[in-house]
Amino acid sequence: MLDTNKIMFEIYREPYSQRYRVVYFTELNDHNRDVEITKALAGDHVYDGFIKEFRKEQAKQVIDRLLDRFNGGERVETDEIERALADYMPGVVKEH
């Protein structure tokens, strides 16, 4: 059974512009689904996961800040992404 209380996303780097982007797969509609999935598949995978539908706007702000860091040339490790998103990911308990 599909859990509709979460949003699947992927952070990736575009092959030509080398810009980092995010796609929220479960929010795509018929008009943009194919284009956005094709872009993500053509890019270099960085990170994927789920965020909770509840508080999704806050989670997206965190992801936008991570993208700003990536696009600013900063190296962000996977564990740092996971720590930043821990409060917004289903089934993840944040270590303090």
PDB file of N, CA and C in Angstrom:
ATOM      1  N   MET A   1       0.837  -1.180   0.000  1.00  0.00           N
ATOM      2  CA  MET A   1       0.000   0.000   0.000  1.00  0.00           C
ATOM      3  C   MET A   1       0.881   1.242   0.000  1.00  0.00           C
ATOM      4  N   LEU A   2       0.574   2.231  -0.823  1.00  0.00           N
ATOM      5  CA  LEU A   2       1.344   3.455  -0.955  1.00  0.00           C
ATOM      6  C   LEU A   2       1.059   4.388   0.210  1.00  0.00           C
ATOM      7  N   ASP A   3       2.105   4.841   0.873  1.00  0.00           N
ATOM      8  CA  ASP A   3       1.976   5.805   1.956  1.00  0.00           C
ATOM      9  C   ASP A   3       1.898   7.194   1.343  1.00  0.00           C
ATOM     10  N   THR A   4       0.728   7.805   1.396  1.00  0.00           N
ATOM     11  CA  THR A   4       0.540   9.107   0.765  1.00  0.00           C
ATOM     12  C   THR A   4       0.904  10.262   1.690  1.00  0.00           C
ATOM     13  N   ASN A   5       1.429   9.968   2.857  1.00  0.00           N
ATOM     14  CA  ASN A   5       1.807  11.002   3.801  1.00  0.00           C
ATOM     15  C   ASN A   5       3.267  11.393   3.682  1.00  0.00           C
ATOM     16  N   LYS A   6       3.892  11.022   2.582  1.00  0.00           N
ATOM     17  CA  LYS A   6       5.288  11.390   2.373  1.00  0.00           C
ATOM     18  C   LYS A   6       5.519  11.749   0.910  1.00  0.00           C
ATOM     19  N   ILE A   7       6.573  12.517   0.696  1.00  0.00           N
ATOM     20  CA  ILE A   7       6.912  13.023  -0.636  1.00  0.00           C
ATOM     21  C   ILE A   7       8.297  12.498  -1.002  1.00  0.00           C
ATOM     22  N   MET A   8       8.394  11.826  -2.140  1.00  0.00           N
ATOM     23  CA  MET A   8       9.665  11.301  -2.616  1.00  0.00           C
ATOM     24  C   MET A   8      10.406  12.409  -3.380  1.00  0.00           C
ATOM     25  N   PHE A   9      11.715  12.551  -3.105  1.00  0.00           N
ATOM     26  CA  PHE A   9      12.503  13.584  -3.765  1.00  0.00           C
ATOM     27  C   PHE A   9      13.882  13.059  -4.143  1.00  0.00           C
ATOM     28  N   GLU A  10      14.530  13.799  -5.026  1.00  0.00           N
ATOM     29  CA  GLU A  10      15.919  13.507  -5.385  1.00  0.00           C
ATOM     30  C   GLU A  10      16.656  14.826  -5.595  1.00  0.00           C
ATOM     31  N   ILE A  11      17.856  14.879  -5.043  1.00  0.00           N
ATOM     32  CA  ILE A  11      18.782  15.976  -5.324  1.00  0.00           C
ATOM     33  C   ILE A  11      19.755  15.446  -6.355  1.00  0.00           C
ATOM     34  N   TYR A  12      19.970  16.210  -7.407  1.00  0.00           N
ATOM     35  CA  TYR A  12      20.869  15.781  -8.474  1.00  0.00           C
ATOM     36  C   TYR A  12      21.591  16.987  -9.063  1.00  0.00           C
ATOM     37  N   ARG A  13      22.667  16.711  -9.798  1.00  0.00           N
ATOM     38  CA  ARG A  13      23.403  17.764 -10.496  1.00  0.00           C
ATOM     39  C   ARG A  13      23.157  17.625 -11.987  1.00  0.00           C
ATOM     40  N   GLU A  14      22.735  18.735 -12.605  1.00  0.00           N
ATOM     41  CA  GLU A  14      22.469  18.735 -14.042  1.00  0.00           C
ATOM     42  C   GLU A  14      23.778  18.508 -14.805  1.00  0.00           C
ATOM     43  N   PRO A  15      23.739  17.739 -15.881  1.00  0.00           N
ATOM     44  CA  PRO A  15      24.979  17.406 -16.593  1.00  0.00           C
ATOM     45  C   PRO A  15      25.636  18.578 -17.319  1.00  0.00           C
ATOM     46  N   TYR A  16      24.883  19.494 -17.852  1.00  0.00           N
ATOM     47  CA  TYR A  16      25.480  20.568 -18.649  1.00  0.00           C
ATOM     48  C   TYR A  16      25.784  21.800 -17.824  1.00  0.00           C
ATOM     49  N   SER A  17      24.830  22.275 -17.056  1.00  0.00           N
ATOM     50  CA  SER A  17      25.038  23.492 -16.274  1.00  0.00           C
ATOM     51  C   SER A  17      25.806  23.212 -14.981  1.00  0.00           C
ATOM     52  N   GLN A  18      25.829  21.940 -14.554  1.00  0.00           N
ATOM     53  CA  GLN A  18      26.460  21.519 -13.310  1.00  0.00           C
ATOM     54  C   GLN A  18      25.780  22.128 -12.085  1.00  0.00           C
ATOM     55  N   ARG A  19      24.557  22.636 -12.255  1.00  0.00           N
ATOM     56  CA  ARG A  19      23.772  23.184 -11.139  1.00  0.00           C
ATOM     57  C   ARG A  19      23.084  22.032 -10.413  1.00  0.00           C
ATOM     58  N   TYR A  20      22.953  22.196  -9.116  1.00  0.00           N
ATOM     59  CA  TYR A  20      22.243  21.213  -8.304  1.00  0.00           C
ATOM     60  C   TYR A  20      20.771  21.594  -8.245  1.00  0.00           C
ATOM     61  N   ARG A  21      19.926  20.580  -8.364  1.00  0.00           N
ATOM     62  CA  ARG A  21      18.475  20.784  -8.375  1.00  0.00           C
ATOM     63  C   ARG A  21      17.813  19.701  -7.533  1.00  0.00           C
ATOM     64  N   VAL A  22      16.553  19.908  -7.264  1.00  0.00           N
ATOM     65  CA  VAL A  22      15.746  18.898  -6.572  1.00  0.00           C
ATOM     66  C   VAL A  22      14.477  18.681  -7.377  1.00  0.00           C
ATOM     67  N   VAL A  23      14.004  17.455  -7.377  1.00  0.00           N
ATOM     68  CA  VAL A  23      12.710  17.130  -7.966  1.00  0.00           C
ATOM     69  C   VAL A  23      11.916  16.386  -6.892  1.00  0.00           C
ATOM     70  N   TYR A  24      10.661  16.805  -6.731  1.00  0.00           N
ATOM     71  CA  TYR A  24       9.745  16.155  -5.797  1.00  0.00           C
ATOM     72  C   TYR A  24       8.825  15.271  -6.635  1.00  0.00           C
ATOM     73  N   PHE A  25       9.206  14.017  -6.772  1.00  0.00           N
ATOM     74  CA  PHE A  25       8.526  13.106  -7.697  1.00  0.00           C
ATOM     75  C   PHE A  25       7.037  12.976  -7.434  1.00  0.00           C
ATOM     76  N   THR A  26       6.660  12.843  -6.186  1.00  0.00           N
ATOM     77  CA  THR A  26       5.259  12.591  -5.877  1.00  0.00           C
ATOM     78  C   THR A  26       4.397  13.844  -5.988  1.00  0.00           C
ATOM     79  N   GLU A  27       4.987  14.983  -6.302  1.00  0.00           N
ATOM     80  CA  GLU A  27       4.210  16.202  -6.536  1.00  0.00           C
ATOM     81  C   GLU A  27       4.111  16.557  -8.017  1.00  0.00           C
ATOM     82  N   LEU A  28       4.707  15.735  -8.861  1.00  0.00           N
ATOM     83  CA  LEU A  28       4.640  16.005 -10.300  1.00  0.00           C
ATOM     84  C   LEU A  28       3.241  15.696 -10.821  1.00  0.00           C
ATOM     85  N   ASN A  29       2.873  16.402 -11.884  1.00  0.00           N
ATOM     86  CA  ASN A  29       1.577  16.141 -12.496  1.00  0.00           C
ATOM     87  C   ASN A  29       1.789  15.652 -13.931  1.00  0.00           C
ATOM     88  N   ASP A  30       0.723  15.375 -14.629  1.00  0.00           N
ATOM     89  CA  ASP A  30       0.819  14.848 -15.994  1.00  0.00           C
ATOM     90  C   ASP A  30       1.545  15.793 -16.937  1.00  0.00           C
ATOM     91  N   HIS A  31       1.500  17.081 -16.662  1.00  0.00           N
ATOM     92  CA  HIS A  31       2.093  18.069 -17.568  1.00  0.00           C
ATOM     93  C   HIS A  31       3.612  18.180 -17.438  1.00  0.00           C
ATOM     94  N   ASN A  32       4.165  17.875 -16.250  1.00  0.00           N
ATOM     95  CA  ASN A  32       5.604  18.040 -16.080  1.00  0.00           C
ATOM     96  C   ASN A  32       6.343  16.765 -15.680  1.00  0.00           C
ATOM     97  N   ARG A  33       5.617  15.683 -15.485  1.00  0.00           N
ATOM     98  CA  ARG A  33       6.221  14.442 -14.992  1.00  0.00           C
ATOM     99  C   ARG A  33       7.359  13.938 -15.880  1.00  0.00           C
ATOM    100  N   ASP A  34       7.105  13.752 -17.154  1.00  0.00           N
ATOM    101  CA  ASP A  34       8.111  13.174 -18.048  1.00  0.00           C
ATOM    102  C   ASP A  34       9.359  14.048 -18.152  1.00  0.00           C
ATOM    103  N   VAL A  35       9.170  15.352 -18.286  1.00  0.00           N
ATOM    104  CA  VAL A  35      10.311  16.272 -18.425  1.00  0.00           C
ATOM    105  C   VAL A  35      11.172  16.257 -17.168  1.00  0.00           C
ATOM    106  N   GLU A  36      10.544  16.365 -16.005  1.00  0.00           N
ATOM    107  CA  GLU A  36      11.299  16.429 -14.750  1.00  0.00           C
ATOM    108  C   GLU A  36      12.004  15.111 -14.443  1.00  0.00           C
ATOM    109  N   ILE A  37      11.358  14.001 -14.707  1.00  0.00           N
ATOM    110  CA  ILE A  37      11.996  12.702 -14.471  1.00  0.00           C
ATOM    111  C   ILE A  37      13.170  12.508 -15.425  1.00  0.00           C
ATOM    112  N   THR A  38      13.018  12.913 -16.676  1.00  0.00           N
ATOM    113  CA  THR A  38      14.103  12.810 -17.656  1.00  0.00           C
ATOM    114  C   THR A  38      15.300  13.648 -17.224  1.00  0.00           C
ATOM    115  N   LYS A  39      15.047  14.856 -16.736  1.00  0.00           N
ATOM    116  CA  LYS A  39      16.146  15.715 -16.251  1.00  0.00           C
ATOM    117  C   LYS A  39      16.888  15.047 -15.092  1.00  0.00           C
ATOM    118  N   ALA A  40      16.130  14.515 -14.152  1.00  0.00           N
ATOM    119  CA  ALA A  40      16.757  13.880 -12.995  1.00  0.00           C
ATOM    120  C   ALA A  40      17.563  12.651 -13.403  1.00  0.00           C
ATOM    121  N   LEU A  41      17.023  11.851 -14.317  1.00  0.00           N
ATOM    122  CA  LEU A  41      17.734  10.654 -14.766  1.00  0.00           C
ATOM    123  C   LEU A  41      19.015  10.994 -15.526  1.00  0.00           C
ATOM    124  N   ALA A  42      19.018  12.116 -16.228  1.00  0.00           N
ATOM    125  CA  ALA A  42      20.204  12.528 -16.986  1.00  0.00           C
ATOM    126  C   ALA A  42      21.278  13.118 -16.081  1.00  0.00           C
ATOM    127  N   GLY A  43      20.884  13.549 -14.888  1.00  0.00           N
ATOM    128  CA  GLY A  43      21.826  14.184 -13.978  1.00  0.00           C
ATOM    129  C   GLY A  43      22.594  13.187 -13.133  1.00  0.00           C
ATOM    130  N   ASP A  44      23.497  13.737 -12.341  1.00  0.00           N
ATOM    131  CA  ASP A  44      24.286  12.933 -11.400  1.00  0.00           C
ATOM    132  C   ASP A  44      23.561  12.886 -10.060  1.00  0.00           C
ATOM    133  N   HIS A  45      23.209  11.689  -9.656  1.00  0.00           N
ATOM    134  CA  HIS A  45      22.492  11.483  -8.398  1.00  0.00           C
ATOM    135  C   HIS A  45      23.340  11.957  -7.219  1.00  0.00           C
ATOM    136  N   VAL A  46      22.729  12.705  -6.304  1.00  0.00           N
ATOM    137  CA  VAL A  46      23.399  13.152  -5.090  1.00  0.00           C
ATOM    138  C   VAL A  46      22.751  12.508  -3.871  1.00  0.00           C
ATOM    139  N   TYR A  47      21.427  12.617  -3.782  1.00  0.00           N
ATOM    140  CA  TYR A  47      20.724  12.090  -2.611  1.00  0.00           C
ATOM    141  C   TYR A  47      19.249  11.931  -2.955  1.00  0.00           C
ATOM    142  N   ASP A  48      18.608  10.905  -2.397  1.00  0.00           N
ATOM    143  CA  ASP A  48      17.165  10.767  -2.544  1.00  0.00           C
ATOM    144  C   ASP A  48      16.580  10.253  -1.252  1.00  0.00           C
ATOM    145  N   GLY A  49      15.295  10.494  -1.109  1.00  0.00           N
ATOM    146  CA  GLY A  49      14.614  10.045   0.094  1.00  0.00           C
ATOM    147  C   GLY A  49      13.184  10.519   0.111  1.00  0.00           C
ATOM    148  N   PHE A  50      12.635  10.568   1.308  1.00  0.00           N
ATOM    149  CA  PHE A  50      11.261  10.999   1.510  1.00  0.00           C
ATOM    150  C   PHE A  50      11.224  12.076   2.583  1.00  0.00           C
ATOM    151  N   ILE A  51      10.312  13.008   2.431  1.00  0.00           N
ATOM    152  CA  ILE A  51      10.002  13.950   3.493  1.00  0.00           C
ATOM    153  C   ILE A  51       8.537  13.767   3.840  1.00  0.00           C
ATOM    154  N   LYS A  52       8.211  14.078   5.074  1.00  0.00           N
ATOM    155  CA  LYS A  52       6.824  13.972   5.521  1.00  0.00           C
ATOM    156  C   LYS A  52       5.982  15.050   4.861  1.00  0.00           C
ATOM    157  N   GLU A  53       4.762  14.691   4.506  1.00  0.00           N
ATOM    158  CA  GLU A  53       3.813  15.670   3.970  1.00  0.00           C
ATOM    159  C   GLU A  53       3.587  16.769   5.008  1.00  0.00           C
ATOM    160  N   PHE A  54       3.473  16.371   6.263  1.00  0.00           N
ATOM    161  CA  PHE A  54       3.329  17.315   7.361  1.00  0.00           C
ATOM    162  C   PHE A  54       4.647  18.079   7.503  1.00  0.00           C
ATOM    163  N   ARG A  55       4.635  19.371   7.469  1.00  0.00           N
ATOM    164  CA  ARG A  55       5.812  20.244   7.571  1.00  0.00           C
ATOM    165  C   ARG A  55       6.674  20.201   6.313  1.00  0.00           C
ATOM    166  N   LYS A  56       6.067  19.877   5.178  1.00  0.00           N
ATOM    167  CA  LYS A  56       6.845  19.779   3.944  1.00  0.00           C
ATOM    168  C   LYS A  56       7.452  21.110   3.540  1.00  0.00           C
ATOM    169  N   GLU A  57       6.792  22.215   3.829  1.00  0.00           N
ATOM    170  CA  GLU A  57       7.336  23.523   3.442  1.00  0.00           C
ATOM    171  C   GLU A  57       8.637  23.815   4.189  1.00  0.00           C
ATOM    172  N   GLN A  58       8.703  23.450   5.466  1.00  0.00           N
ATOM    173  CA  GLN A  58       9.939  23.627   6.222  1.00  0.00           C
ATOM    174  C   GLN A  58      11.041  22.731   5.669  1.00  0.00           C
ATOM    175  N   ALA A  59      10.678  21.496   5.319  1.00  0.00           N
ATOM    176  CA  ALA A  59      11.654  20.563   4.748  1.00  0.00           C
ATOM    177  C   ALA A  59      12.190  21.088   3.419  1.00  0.00           C
ATOM    178  N   LYS A  60      11.316  21.652   2.608  1.00  0.00           N
ATOM    179  CA  LYS A  60      11.743  22.199   1.320  1.00  0.00           C
ATOM    180  C   LYS A  60      12.676  23.397   1.513  1.00  0.00           C
ATOM    181  N   GLN A  61      12.460  24.166   2.552  1.00  0.00           N
ATOM    182  CA  GLN A  61      13.369  25.279   2.849  1.00  0.00           C
ATOM    183  C   GLN A  61      14.759  24.757   3.214  1.00  0.00           C
ATOM    184  N   VAL A  62      14.803  23.676   3.976  1.00  0.00           N
ATOM    185  CA  VAL A  62      16.082  23.057   4.327  1.00  0.00           C
ATOM    186  C   VAL A  62      16.776  22.560   3.059  1.00  0.00           C
ATOM    187  N   ILE A  63      16.034  21.899   2.178  1.00  0.00           N
ATOM    188  CA  ILE A  63      16.601  21.401   0.925  1.00  0.00           C
ATOM    189  C   ILE A  63      17.091  22.560   0.063  1.00  0.00           C
ATOM    190  N   ASP A  64      16.335  23.653   0.006  1.00  0.00           N
ATOM    191  CA  ASP A  64      16.765  24.827  -0.762  1.00  0.00           C
ATOM    192  C   ASP A  64      18.079  25.398  -0.221  1.00  0.00           C
ATOM    193  N   ARG A  65      18.228  25.421   1.099  1.00  0.00           N
ATOM    194  CA  ARG A  65      19.496  25.893   1.694  1.00  0.00           C
ATOM    195  C   ARG A  65      20.649  24.953   1.341  1.00  0.00           C
ATOM    196  N   LEU A  66      20.374  23.644   1.331  1.00  0.00           N
ATOM    197  CA  LEU A  66      21.406  22.680   0.931  1.00  0.00           C
ATOM    198  C   LEU A  66      21.799  22.904  -0.530  1.00  0.00           C
ATOM    199  N   LEU A  67      20.810  23.139  -1.398  1.00  0.00           N
ATOM    200  CA  LEU A  67      21.101  23.404  -2.815  1.00  0.00           C
ATOM    201  C   LEU A  67      21.944  24.674  -2.961  1.00  0.00           C
ATOM    202  N   ASP A  68      21.635  25.703  -2.189  1.00  0.00           N
ATOM    203  CA  ASP A  68      22.434  26.935  -2.221  1.00  0.00           C
ATOM    204  C   ASP A  68      23.885  26.648  -1.860  1.00  0.00           C
ATOM    205  N   ARG A  69      24.077  25.812  -0.874  1.00  0.00           N
ATOM    206  CA  ARG A  69      25.440  25.447  -0.469  1.00  0.00           C
ATOM    207  C   ARG A  69      26.152  24.677  -1.575  1.00  0.00           C
ATOM    208  N   PHE A  70      25.464  23.673  -2.129  1.00  0.00           N
ATOM    209  CA  PHE A  70      26.038  22.903  -3.237  1.00  0.00           C
ATOM    210  C   PHE A  70      26.393  23.827  -4.398  1.00  0.00           C
ATOM    211  N   ASN A  71      25.446  24.664  -4.795  1.00  0.00           N
ATOM    212  CA  ASN A  71      25.662  25.544  -5.946  1.00  0.00           C
ATOM    213  C   ASN A  71      26.671  26.641  -5.665  1.00  0.00           C
ATOM    214  N   GLY A  72      26.948  26.893  -4.403  1.00  0.00           N
ATOM    215  CA  GLY A  72      27.985  27.844  -4.018  1.00  0.00           C
ATOM    216  C   GLY A  72      29.367  27.216  -3.976  1.00  0.00           C
ATOM    217  N   GLY A  73      29.437  25.937  -4.318  1.00  0.00           N
ATOM    218  CA  GLY A  73      30.728  25.258  -4.374  1.00  0.00           C
ATOM    219  C   GLY A  73      31.095  24.493  -3.118  1.00  0.00           C
ATOM    220  N   GLU A  74      30.218  24.501  -2.140  1.00  0.00           N
ATOM    221  CA  GLU A  74      30.498  23.807  -0.889  1.00  0.00           C
ATOM    222  C   GLU A  74      30.244  22.312  -1.047  1.00  0.00           C
ATOM    223  N   ARG A  75      31.065  21.525  -0.423  1.00  0.00           N
ATOM    224  CA  ARG A  75      30.867  20.073  -0.430  1.00  0.00           C
ATOM    225  C   ARG A  75      30.016  19.712   0.785  1.00  0.00           C
ATOM    226  N   VAL A  76      28.887  19.053   0.540  1.00  0.00           N
ATOM    227  CA  VAL A  76      27.981  18.649   1.610  1.00  0.00           C
ATOM    228  C   VAL A  76      27.896  17.131   1.577  1.00  0.00           C
ATOM    229  N   GLU A  77      28.267  16.513   2.681  1.00  0.00           N
ATOM    230  CA  GLU A  77      28.289  15.051   2.758  1.00  0.00           C
ATOM    231  C   GLU A  77      26.885  14.497   3.044  1.00  0.00           C
ATOM    232  N   THR A  78      26.696  13.245   2.698  1.00  0.00           N
ATOM    233  CA  THR A  78      25.411  12.571   2.876  1.00  0.00           C
ATOM    234  C   THR A  78      24.931  12.630   4.316  1.00  0.00           C
ATOM    235  N   ASP A  79      25.820  12.382   5.271  1.00  0.00           N
ATOM    236  CA  ASP A  79      25.389  12.387   6.671  1.00  0.00           C
ATOM    237  C   ASP A  79      24.927  13.773   7.110  1.00  0.00           C
ATOM    238  N   GLU A  80      25.487  14.822   6.540  1.00  0.00           N
ATOM    239  CA  GLU A  80      25.048  16.175   6.857  1.00  0.00           C
ATOM    240  C   GLU A  80      23.654  16.449   6.285  1.00  0.00           C
ATOM    241  N   ILE A  81      23.395  15.943   5.080  1.00  0.00           N
ATOM    242  CA  ILE A  81      22.058  16.065   4.479  1.00  0.00           C
ATOM    243  C   ILE A  81      21.049  15.351   5.370  1.00  0.00           C
ATOM    244  N   GLU A  82      21.385  14.149   5.794  1.00  0.00           N
ATOM    245  CA  GLU A  82      20.478  13.367   6.625  1.00  0.00           C
ATOM    246  C   GLU A  82      20.222  14.028   7.972  1.00  0.00           C
ATOM    247  N   ARG A  83      21.249  14.609   8.566  1.00  0.00           N
ATOM    248  CA  ARG A  83      21.052  15.321   9.832  1.00  0.00           C
ATOM    249  C   ARG A  83      20.146  16.538   9.642  1.00  0.00           C
ATOM    250  N   ALA A  84      20.357  17.276   8.549  1.00  0.00           N
ATOM    251  CA  ALA A  84      19.562  18.477   8.288  1.00  0.00           C
ATOM    252  C   ALA A  84      18.091  18.145   8.063  1.00  0.00           C
ATOM    253  N   LEU A  85      17.827  16.977   7.484  1.00  0.00           N
ATOM    254  CA  LEU A  85      16.454  16.594   7.140  1.00  0.00           C
ATOM    255  C   LEU A  85      15.817  15.620   8.131  1.00  0.00           C
ATOM    256  N   ALA A  86      16.536  15.221   9.153  1.00  0.00           N
ATOM    257  CA  ALA A  86      16.057  14.176  10.064  1.00  0.00           C
ATOM    258  C   ALA A  86      14.680  14.464  10.655  1.00  0.00           C
ATOM    259  N   ASP A  87      14.399  15.718  10.997  1.00  0.00           N
ATOM    260  CA  ASP A  87      13.097  16.051  11.590  1.00  0.00           C
ATOM    261  C   ASP A  87      11.954  15.942  10.589  1.00  0.00           C
ATOM    262  N   TYR A  88      12.276  15.860   9.324  1.00  0.00           N
ATOM    263  CA  TYR A  88      11.260  15.892   8.268  1.00  0.00           C
ATOM    264  C   TYR A  88      11.123  14.577   7.526  1.00  0.00           C
ATOM    265  N   MET A  89      11.947  13.591   7.871  1.00  0.00           N
ATOM    266  CA  MET A  89      11.941  12.310   7.171  1.00  0.00           C
ATOM    267  C   MET A  89      11.155  11.278   7.974  1.00  0.00           C
ATOM    268  N   PRO A  90      10.280  10.526   7.312  1.00  0.00           N
ATOM    269  CA  PRO A  90       9.502   9.499   8.014  1.00  0.00           C
ATOM    270  C   PRO A  90      10.410   8.433   8.618  1.00  0.00           C
ATOM    271  N   GLY A  91      10.136   8.078   9.834  1.00  0.00           N
ATOM    272  CA  GLY A  91      10.847   6.976  10.470  1.00  0.00           C
ATOM    273  C   GLY A  91      12.265   7.277  10.886  1.00  0.00           C
ATOM    274  N   VAL A  92      12.683   8.541  10.885  1.00  0.00           N
ATOM    275  CA  VAL A  92      14.041   8.892  11.280  1.00  0.00           C
ATOM    276  C   VAL A  92      13.977   9.583  12.633  1.00  0.00           C
ATOM    277  N   VAL A  93      14.811   9.098  13.552  1.00  0.00           N
ATOM    278  CA  VAL A  93      14.923   9.725  14.868  1.00  0.00           C
ATOM    279  C   VAL A  93      16.223  10.515  14.886  1.00  0.00           C
ATOM    280  N   LYS A  94      16.117  11.797  15.151  1.00  0.00           N
ATOM    281  CA  LYS A  94      17.279  12.678  15.136  1.00  0.00           C
ATOM    282  C   LYS A  94      18.077  12.503  16.415  1.00  0.00           C
ATOM    283  N   GLU A  95      19.394  12.298  16.259  1.00  0.00           N
ATOM    284  CA  GLU A  95      20.283  12.195  17.410  1.00  0.00           C
ATOM    285  C   GLU A  95      20.670  13.591  17.853  1.00  0.00           C
ATOM    286  N   HIS A  96      20.614  13.828  19.164  1.00  0.00           N
ATOM    287  CA  HIS A  96      20.960  15.159  19.680  1.00  0.00           C
ATOM    288  C   HIS A  96      22.297  15.144  20.341  1.00  0.00           C
TER     289      HIS A  96
END
